[in-house]
Amino acid sequence: MVTSIHNWFLDNDGRHWLLRFTHTIASFSVTIFSVMRFDTSLKHKVLHKPSPPVVMLTQTSPADIKMHNMATAVCLISGFHPDKLSVKWLKNWQPISSGVVTSPSVKEDNGTFSANSRLTVPTREWSNGAVYTCQVSHEPTHTNIVKNITTPSGRRHSSS
């Protein structure tokens, strides 16, 4: 059977699509004309091109670190699609999980997703010159992004 679409148009009330098509059965050359109605209020899924994440790594101010006796690094992740993301934290290139909180992804108005991951550590650990790393992997775009914060002698230096 072969189906051919001849034309389609909105009906008079502007709420339904009318589709005129032909089913042809080749061995008998029988053609049937049909009209179908599709409600225009139906929502359709918009396909979104895979997008890699944009990653920024920030930390609390030295004054806040001193006041709370804790340091927090925040990995801000945005602009990725689809919603398949992995975030890992490392201290001196070794995986850590203590003090890590990663938020669920949120869908933005433009169809991409955003998330954040926080690492909180005591000041005495933060100030010992360790390198803290936020590693973000987005499998659909084969993207790996690594952001580091190094805190030698209590000073902050950020690199990407």
N, C-alpha and C. Protein backbone atom coordinates (compact mmCIF):
# COMPACT_ATOMS: atom_id res chain seq x y z
N MET A 1 0.86 -1.17 0.00
CA MET A 1 0.00 0.00 0.00
C MET A 1 0.90 1.23 0.00
N VAL A 2 0.53 2.24 -0.77
CA VAL A 2 1.25 3.50 -0.85
C VAL A 2 0.32 4.59 -0.36
N THR A 3 0.83 5.48 0.50
CA THR A 3 0.04 6.61 0.97
C THR A 3 0.66 7.88 0.43
N SER A 4 -0.17 8.71 -0.19
CA SER A 4 0.29 9.99 -0.72
C SER A 4 -0.50 11.11 -0.06
N ILE A 5 0.21 12.13 0.41
CA ILE A 5 -0.47 13.29 0.98
C ILE A 5 -0.65 14.31 -0.13
N HIS A 6 -1.91 14.75 -0.33
CA HIS A 6 -2.20 15.71 -1.39
C HIS A 6 -2.11 17.14 -0.88
N ASN A 7 -2.76 17.42 0.22
CA ASN A 7 -2.68 18.76 0.80
C ASN A 7 -3.19 18.72 2.23
N TRP A 8 -2.86 19.78 2.97
CA TRP A 8 -3.34 19.92 4.34
C TRP A 8 -3.55 21.39 4.61
N PHE A 9 -4.55 21.67 5.43
CA PHE A 9 -4.94 23.06 5.68
C PHE A 9 -5.73 23.13 6.97
N LEU A 10 -5.82 24.34 7.54
CA LEU A 10 -6.64 24.56 8.73
C LEU A 10 -8.10 24.65 8.33
N ASP A 11 -9.00 24.10 9.16
CA ASP A 11 -10.42 24.24 8.86
C ASP A 11 -10.89 25.65 9.21
N ASN A 12 -12.17 25.91 9.01
CA ASN A 12 -12.71 27.26 9.18
C ASN A 12 -12.55 27.83 10.59
N ASP A 13 -12.62 26.98 11.60
CA ASP A 13 -12.48 27.51 12.97
C ASP A 13 -11.02 27.69 13.37
N GLY A 14 -10.07 27.26 12.54
CA GLY A 14 -8.66 27.46 12.82
C GLY A 14 -8.10 26.59 13.93
N ARG A 15 -8.86 25.57 14.33
CA ARG A 15 -8.42 24.73 15.44
C ARG A 15 -8.04 23.32 15.01
N HIS A 16 -8.36 22.93 13.80
CA HIS A 16 -8.09 21.57 13.36
C HIS A 16 -7.41 21.58 11.99
N TRP A 17 -6.44 20.70 11.85
CA TRP A 17 -5.81 20.52 10.54
C TRP A 17 -6.60 19.48 9.77
N LEU A 18 -6.85 19.75 8.52
CA LEU A 18 -7.48 18.78 7.63
C LEU A 18 -6.40 18.26 6.70
N LEU A 19 -6.33 16.96 6.57
CA LEU A 19 -5.31 16.34 5.75
C LEU A 19 -6.00 15.46 4.72
N ARG A 20 -5.72 15.69 3.45
CA ARG A 20 -6.30 14.85 2.40
C ARG A 20 -5.18 13.98 1.86
N PHE A 21 -5.40 12.67 1.95
CA PHE A 21 -4.37 11.76 1.47
C PHE A 21 -5.02 10.61 0.71
N THR A 22 -4.22 9.88 -0.02
CA THR A 22 -4.69 8.78 -0.84
C THR A 22 -3.96 7.50 -0.45
N HIS A 23 -4.73 6.44 -0.25
CA HIS A 23 -4.14 5.11 -0.07
C HIS A 23 -4.29 4.39 -1.40
N THR A 24 -3.22 3.93 -1.96
CA THR A 24 -3.29 3.22 -3.23
C THR A 24 -2.76 1.80 -3.02
N ILE A 25 -3.57 0.85 -3.37
CA ILE A 25 -3.15 -0.54 -3.31
C ILE A 25 -2.70 -0.89 -4.72
N ALA A 26 -1.41 -1.08 -4.90
CA ALA A 26 -0.80 -1.20 -6.22
C ALA A 26 -1.39 -2.31 -7.07
N SER A 27 -1.65 -3.47 -6.51
CA SER A 27 -2.12 -4.59 -7.32
C SER A 27 -3.54 -4.39 -7.84
N PHE A 28 -4.33 -3.55 -7.20
CA PHE A 28 -5.70 -3.32 -7.64
C PHE A 28 -5.94 -1.91 -8.14
N SER A 29 -4.98 -1.03 -7.97
CA SER A 29 -5.12 0.37 -8.36
C SER A 29 -6.36 1.00 -7.75
N VAL A 30 -6.63 0.69 -6.51
CA VAL A 30 -7.77 1.27 -5.82
C VAL A 30 -7.26 2.49 -5.05
N THR A 31 -7.92 3.60 -5.22
CA THR A 31 -7.55 4.82 -4.52
C THR A 31 -8.70 5.23 -3.62
N ILE A 32 -8.37 5.51 -2.38
CA ILE A 32 -9.37 5.94 -1.41
C ILE A 32 -8.99 7.34 -0.96
N PHE A 33 -9.92 8.26 -0.97
CA PHE A 33 -9.68 9.61 -0.48
C PHE A 33 -10.21 9.71 0.93
N SER A 34 -9.42 10.30 1.80
CA SER A 34 -9.82 10.44 3.19
C SER A 34 -9.51 11.85 3.66
N VAL A 35 -10.24 12.29 4.66
CA VAL A 35 -9.95 13.56 5.31
C VAL A 35 -9.78 13.25 6.79
N MET A 36 -8.67 13.72 7.37
CA MET A 36 -8.44 13.51 8.79
C MET A 36 -8.38 14.86 9.48
N ARG A 37 -8.80 14.88 10.72
CA ARG A 37 -8.76 16.11 11.50
C ARG A 37 -7.74 15.94 12.63
N PHE A 38 -6.88 16.95 12.79
CA PHE A 38 -5.90 16.97 13.87
C PHE A 38 -6.12 18.24 14.68
N ASP A 39 -6.28 18.08 15.97
CA ASP A 39 -6.49 19.23 16.85
C ASP A 39 -5.19 20.03 16.96
N THR A 40 -5.23 21.33 16.66
CA THR A 40 -4.03 22.17 16.71
C THR A 40 -3.59 22.49 18.13
N SER A 41 -4.42 22.18 19.12
CA SER A 41 -4.03 22.47 20.50
C SER A 41 -3.09 21.41 21.07
N LEU A 42 -2.88 20.33 20.34
CA LEU A 42 -1.97 19.30 20.81
C LEU A 42 -0.55 19.85 20.85
N LYS A 43 0.13 19.55 21.93
CA LYS A 43 1.51 20.02 22.07
C LYS A 43 2.42 19.01 21.36
N HIS A 44 3.45 19.53 20.74
CA HIS A 44 4.42 18.65 20.09
C HIS A 44 5.77 18.80 20.78
N LYS A 45 6.53 17.75 20.72
CA LYS A 45 7.85 17.75 21.35
C LYS A 45 8.84 18.42 20.39
N VAL A 46 9.56 19.39 20.91
CA VAL A 46 10.58 20.07 20.12
C VAL A 46 11.90 19.35 20.34
N LEU A 47 12.51 18.94 19.25
CA LEU A 47 13.80 18.26 19.36
C LEU A 47 14.88 19.30 19.57
N HIS A 48 15.77 19.04 20.49
CA HIS A 48 16.83 19.98 20.82
C HIS A 48 18.16 19.34 20.47
N LYS A 49 19.00 20.09 19.81
CA LYS A 49 20.33 19.61 19.45
C LYS A 49 21.16 19.41 20.72
N PRO A 50 21.93 18.31 20.81
CA PRO A 50 22.78 18.13 21.99
C PRO A 50 23.72 19.32 22.18
N SER A 51 23.80 19.79 23.42
CA SER A 51 24.64 20.95 23.76
C SER A 51 25.53 20.60 24.93
N PRO A 52 26.84 20.92 24.85
CA PRO A 52 27.73 20.65 25.98
C PRO A 52 27.51 21.66 27.09
N PRO A 53 27.87 21.31 28.31
CA PRO A 53 27.69 22.24 29.42
C PRO A 53 28.72 23.36 29.43
N VAL A 54 28.34 24.46 30.07
CA VAL A 54 29.26 25.54 30.40
C VAL A 54 29.46 25.43 31.91
N VAL A 55 30.71 25.45 32.37
CA VAL A 55 31.00 25.21 33.78
C VAL A 55 31.79 26.38 34.36
N MET A 56 31.35 26.87 35.51
CA MET A 56 32.07 27.89 36.28
C MET A 56 32.28 27.37 37.69
N LEU A 57 33.46 27.61 38.24
CA LEU A 57 33.76 27.18 39.60
C LEU A 57 34.04 28.41 40.45
N THR A 58 33.29 28.55 41.55
CA THR A 58 33.46 29.69 42.45
C THR A 58 33.67 29.17 43.87
N GLN A 59 34.05 30.07 44.76
CA GLN A 59 34.20 29.70 46.17
C GLN A 59 33.74 30.85 47.05
N THR A 60 33.48 30.51 48.31
CA THR A 60 33.10 31.55 49.28
C THR A 60 34.27 32.49 49.50
N SER A 61 33.95 33.69 49.94
CA SER A 61 34.98 34.70 50.17
C SER A 61 35.84 34.32 51.38
N PRO A 62 37.09 34.82 51.43
CA PRO A 62 37.94 34.55 52.59
C PRO A 62 37.28 35.00 53.91
N ALA A 63 36.55 36.10 53.88
CA ALA A 63 35.87 36.57 55.10
C ALA A 63 34.82 35.56 55.57
N ASP A 64 34.04 35.01 54.62
CA ASP A 64 33.04 34.00 54.98
C ASP A 64 33.69 32.72 55.48
N ILE A 65 34.80 32.35 54.85
CA ILE A 65 35.52 31.15 55.29
C ILE A 65 35.96 31.31 56.74
N LYS A 66 36.52 32.47 57.05
CA LYS A 66 36.99 32.75 58.42
C LYS A 66 35.82 32.78 59.40
N MET A 67 34.72 33.43 59.01
CA MET A 67 33.56 33.58 59.90
C MET A 67 32.90 32.23 60.21
N HIS A 68 32.76 31.36 59.21
CA HIS A 68 32.02 30.11 59.39
C HIS A 68 32.92 28.91 59.64
N ASN A 69 34.23 29.12 59.54
CA ASN A 69 35.18 28.03 59.71
C ASN A 69 34.96 26.89 58.71
N MET A 70 34.35 27.23 57.60
CA MET A 70 34.08 26.28 56.52
C MET A 70 34.32 26.99 55.19
N ALA A 71 34.74 26.24 54.19
CA ALA A 71 34.89 26.77 52.84
C ALA A 71 33.95 26.00 51.93
N THR A 72 33.35 26.71 50.99
CA THR A 72 32.45 26.08 50.03
C THR A 72 32.87 26.45 48.62
N ALA A 73 33.01 25.44 47.78
CA ALA A 73 33.24 25.64 46.35
C ALA A 73 31.95 25.23 45.64
N VAL A 74 31.55 26.01 44.65
CA VAL A 74 30.32 25.73 43.91
C VAL A 74 30.65 25.61 42.43
N CYS A 75 30.23 24.51 41.85
CA CYS A 75 30.40 24.25 40.43
C CYS A 75 29.04 24.55 39.78
N LEU A 76 28.98 25.62 38.98
CA LEU A 76 27.75 26.03 38.30
C LEU A 76 27.79 25.47 36.88
N ILE A 77 26.76 24.71 36.51
CA ILE A 77 26.74 24.01 35.23
C ILE A 77 25.48 24.43 34.49
N SER A 78 25.63 24.90 33.24
CA SER A 78 24.45 25.37 32.51
C SER A 78 24.57 25.07 31.02
N GLY A 79 23.43 25.21 30.33
CA GLY A 79 23.40 25.14 28.87
C GLY A 79 23.52 23.76 28.26
N PHE A 80 23.34 22.70 29.05
CA PHE A 80 23.53 21.37 28.47
C PHE A 80 22.21 20.70 28.09
N HIS A 81 22.30 19.82 27.11
CA HIS A 81 21.15 19.04 26.64
C HIS A 81 21.70 17.81 25.95
N PRO A 82 21.17 16.65 26.16
CA PRO A 82 20.08 16.31 27.07
C PRO A 82 20.55 16.26 28.52
N ASP A 83 19.60 15.91 29.38
CA ASP A 83 19.82 15.93 30.82
C ASP A 83 20.54 14.65 31.28
N LYS A 84 21.77 14.49 30.85
CA LYS A 84 22.59 13.35 31.28
C LYS A 84 23.95 13.90 31.65
N LEU A 85 24.20 14.00 32.95
CA LEU A 85 25.38 14.70 33.43
C LEU A 85 25.97 13.96 34.62
N SER A 86 27.29 13.97 34.71
CA SER A 86 27.99 13.38 35.85
C SER A 86 28.92 14.44 36.43
N VAL A 87 28.88 14.61 37.76
CA VAL A 87 29.76 15.56 38.44
C VAL A 87 30.55 14.81 39.50
N LYS A 88 31.88 14.98 39.47
CA LYS A 88 32.75 14.37 40.48
C LYS A 88 33.63 15.45 41.08
N TRP A 89 33.91 15.31 42.36
CA TRP A 89 34.85 16.20 43.05
C TRP A 89 36.09 15.41 43.40
N LEU A 90 37.24 16.10 43.30
CA LEU A 90 38.51 15.49 43.66
C LEU A 90 39.30 16.43 44.57
N LYS A 91 40.07 15.83 45.45
CA LYS A 91 41.02 16.59 46.27
C LYS A 91 42.39 16.00 45.97
N ASN A 92 43.28 16.85 45.45
CA ASN A 92 44.60 16.39 45.03
C ASN A 92 44.49 15.17 44.11
N TRP A 93 43.55 15.23 43.18
CA TRP A 93 43.33 14.25 42.11
C TRP A 93 42.75 12.94 42.59
N GLN A 94 42.28 12.89 43.85
CA GLN A 94 41.63 11.69 44.39
C GLN A 94 40.15 11.98 44.61
N PRO A 95 39.26 11.06 44.19
CA PRO A 95 37.82 11.29 44.35
C PRO A 95 37.44 11.49 45.82
N ILE A 96 36.51 12.42 46.05
CA ILE A 96 35.95 12.64 47.38
C ILE A 96 34.43 12.71 47.26
N SER A 97 33.75 12.31 48.34
CA SER A 97 32.29 12.40 48.34
C SER A 97 31.77 13.10 49.59
N SER A 98 32.58 13.14 50.63
CA SER A 98 32.17 13.80 51.87
C SER A 98 32.05 15.31 51.64
N GLY A 99 30.93 15.88 52.07
CA GLY A 99 30.72 17.32 51.93
C GLY A 99 30.20 17.74 50.57
N VAL A 100 29.83 16.78 49.71
CA VAL A 100 29.36 17.08 48.36
C VAL A 100 27.84 17.01 48.29
N VAL A 101 27.22 18.04 47.72
CA VAL A 101 25.78 18.05 47.46
C VAL A 101 25.59 18.52 46.02
N THR A 102 24.96 17.67 45.20
CA THR A 102 24.70 18.02 43.80
C THR A 102 23.19 18.11 43.60
N SER A 103 22.75 19.24 43.04
CA SER A 103 21.32 19.45 42.84
C SER A 103 20.83 18.67 41.62
N PRO A 104 19.54 18.32 41.61
CA PRO A 104 18.98 17.76 40.38
C PRO A 104 18.99 18.82 39.27
N SER A 105 19.05 18.38 38.04
CA SER A 105 19.03 19.32 36.91
C SER A 105 17.68 20.00 36.81
N VAL A 106 17.71 21.24 36.31
CA VAL A 106 16.50 22.04 36.11
C VAL A 106 16.42 22.39 34.64
N LYS A 107 15.23 22.21 34.04
CA LYS A 107 15.05 22.58 32.63
C LYS A 107 14.79 24.07 32.53
N GLU A 108 15.57 24.74 31.70
CA GLU A 108 15.44 26.19 31.48
C GLU A 108 14.42 26.46 30.38
N ASP A 109 13.99 27.73 30.25
CA ASP A 109 13.01 28.12 29.24
C ASP A 109 13.48 27.83 27.82
N ASN A 110 14.79 27.86 27.58
CA ASN A 110 15.31 27.64 26.23
C ASN A 110 15.49 26.16 25.90
N GLY A 111 15.08 25.27 26.81
CA GLY A 111 15.15 23.84 26.56
C GLY A 111 16.42 23.16 27.04
N THR A 112 17.42 23.94 27.47
CA THR A 112 18.63 23.35 28.01
C THR A 112 18.45 23.14 29.52
N PHE A 113 19.45 22.52 30.13
CA PHE A 113 19.38 22.22 31.56
C PHE A 113 20.50 22.91 32.32
N SER A 114 20.29 23.09 33.62
CA SER A 114 21.33 23.63 34.49
C SER A 114 21.31 22.85 35.80
N ALA A 115 22.45 22.88 36.48
CA ALA A 115 22.59 22.20 37.77
C ALA A 115 23.73 22.86 38.53
N ASN A 116 23.89 22.49 39.78
CA ASN A 116 25.06 22.94 40.53
C ASN A 116 25.47 21.85 41.51
N SER A 117 26.73 21.90 41.87
CA SER A 117 27.27 20.96 42.83
C SER A 117 28.13 21.74 43.82
N ARG A 118 27.94 21.45 45.12
CA ARG A 118 28.66 22.17 46.18
C ARG A 118 29.56 21.22 46.94
N LEU A 119 30.74 21.72 47.26
CA LEU A 119 31.67 21.00 48.12
C LEU A 119 31.96 21.89 49.32
N THR A 120 31.71 21.37 50.52
CA THR A 120 31.98 22.13 51.75
C THR A 120 33.01 21.36 52.58
N VAL A 121 34.08 22.07 52.97
CA VAL A 121 35.15 21.45 53.76
C VAL A 121 35.55 22.38 54.91
N PRO A 122 36.07 21.82 56.01
CA PRO A 122 36.55 22.65 57.11
C PRO A 122 37.73 23.52 56.66
N THR A 123 37.86 24.69 57.26
CA THR A 123 38.91 25.64 56.90
C THR A 123 40.30 25.02 56.99
N ARG A 124 40.56 24.22 58.01
CA ARG A 124 41.91 23.64 58.18
C ARG A 124 42.29 22.76 56.98
N GLU A 125 41.31 22.07 56.36
CA GLU A 125 41.59 21.28 55.16
C GLU A 125 41.75 22.17 53.94
N TRP A 126 40.91 23.21 53.87
CA TRP A 126 40.90 24.10 52.72
C TRP A 126 42.22 24.86 52.60
N SER A 127 42.79 25.24 53.71
CA SER A 127 43.96 26.11 53.72
C SER A 127 45.29 25.37 53.66
N ASN A 128 45.28 24.07 53.42
CA ASN A 128 46.54 23.33 53.44
C ASN A 128 47.20 23.18 52.06
N GLY A 129 46.78 23.98 51.09
CA GLY A 129 47.41 23.95 49.77
C GLY A 129 46.89 22.87 48.85
N ALA A 130 45.74 22.30 49.16
CA ALA A 130 45.17 21.25 48.32
C ALA A 130 44.60 21.82 47.03
N VAL A 131 44.52 20.95 46.02
CA VAL A 131 43.85 21.30 44.76
C VAL A 131 42.49 20.62 44.79
N TYR A 132 41.43 21.42 44.68
CA TYR A 132 40.07 20.89 44.61
C TYR A 132 39.59 21.00 43.18
N THR A 133 39.02 19.91 42.67
CA THR A 133 38.62 19.82 41.26
C THR A 133 37.16 19.45 41.14
N CYS A 134 36.46 20.19 40.28
CA CYS A 134 35.10 19.82 39.88
C CYS A 134 35.23 19.27 38.46
N GLN A 135 34.84 18.01 38.28
CA GLN A 135 34.94 17.36 36.98
C GLN A 135 33.53 17.07 36.48
N VAL A 136 33.17 17.66 35.33
CA VAL A 136 31.84 17.51 34.77
C VAL A 136 31.94 16.72 33.46
N SER A 137 31.15 15.64 33.37
CA SER A 137 31.13 14.82 32.16
C SER A 137 29.72 14.84 31.58
N HIS A 138 29.64 15.07 30.27
CA HIS A 138 28.36 15.06 29.55
C HIS A 138 28.50 14.08 28.39
N GLU A 139 28.07 12.84 28.63
CA GLU A 139 28.25 11.76 27.67
C GLU A 139 27.65 12.04 26.29
N PRO A 140 26.43 12.62 26.19
CA PRO A 140 25.84 12.83 24.86
C PRO A 140 26.70 13.69 23.92
N THR A 141 27.51 14.59 24.48
CA THR A 141 28.38 15.43 23.63
C THR A 141 29.85 15.05 23.79
N HIS A 142 30.12 13.95 24.50
CA HIS A 142 31.49 13.47 24.73
C HIS A 142 32.36 14.59 25.30
N THR A 143 31.80 15.32 26.26
CA THR A 143 32.48 16.47 26.86
C THR A 143 32.92 16.16 28.29
N ASN A 144 34.18 16.48 28.59
CA ASN A 144 34.72 16.41 29.95
C ASN A 144 35.31 17.77 30.26
N ILE A 145 34.83 18.40 31.33
CA ILE A 145 35.34 19.72 31.72
C ILE A 145 35.88 19.62 33.13
N VAL A 146 37.08 20.14 33.33
CA VAL A 146 37.73 20.10 34.64
C VAL A 146 38.03 21.53 35.07
N LYS A 147 37.59 21.90 36.27
CA LYS A 147 37.88 23.22 36.85
C LYS A 147 38.55 23.01 38.21
N ASN A 148 39.60 23.77 38.48
CA ASN A 148 40.38 23.61 39.71
C ASN A 148 40.40 24.88 40.55
N ILE A 149 40.50 24.67 41.86
CA ILE A 149 40.80 25.75 42.80
C ILE A 149 41.97 25.26 43.65
N THR A 150 43.02 26.04 43.73
CA THR A 150 44.18 25.72 44.56
C THR A 150 44.26 26.76 45.67
N THR A 151 44.48 26.31 46.90
CA THR A 151 44.49 27.23 48.04
C THR A 151 45.79 27.15 48.82
N PRO A 152 46.92 27.56 48.23
CA PRO A 152 48.17 27.54 48.99
C PRO A 152 48.18 28.64 50.04
N SER A 153 48.52 28.33 51.23
CA SER A 153 48.66 29.30 52.33
C SER A 153 47.42 30.17 52.49
N GLY A 154 46.25 29.62 52.22
CA GLY A 154 45.02 30.39 52.39
C GLY A 154 44.68 31.31 51.24
N ARG A 155 45.55 31.42 50.22
CA ARG A 155 45.24 32.27 49.07
C ARG A 155 44.45 31.48 48.06
N ARG A 156 43.65 32.17 47.26
CA ARG A 156 42.82 31.52 46.25
C ARG A 156 43.40 31.78 44.87
N HIS A 157 43.47 30.73 44.09
CA HIS A 157 43.84 30.86 42.69
C HIS A 157 42.92 29.93 41.92
N SER A 158 42.23 30.43 40.93
CA SER A 158 41.31 29.62 40.13
C SER A 158 41.86 29.48 38.73
N SER A 159 41.78 28.28 38.19
CA SER A 159 42.21 28.06 36.80
C SER A 159 41.23 27.13 36.12
N SER A 160 41.27 27.12 34.79
CA SER A 160 40.38 26.21 34.06
C SER A 160 41.16 25.31 33.16
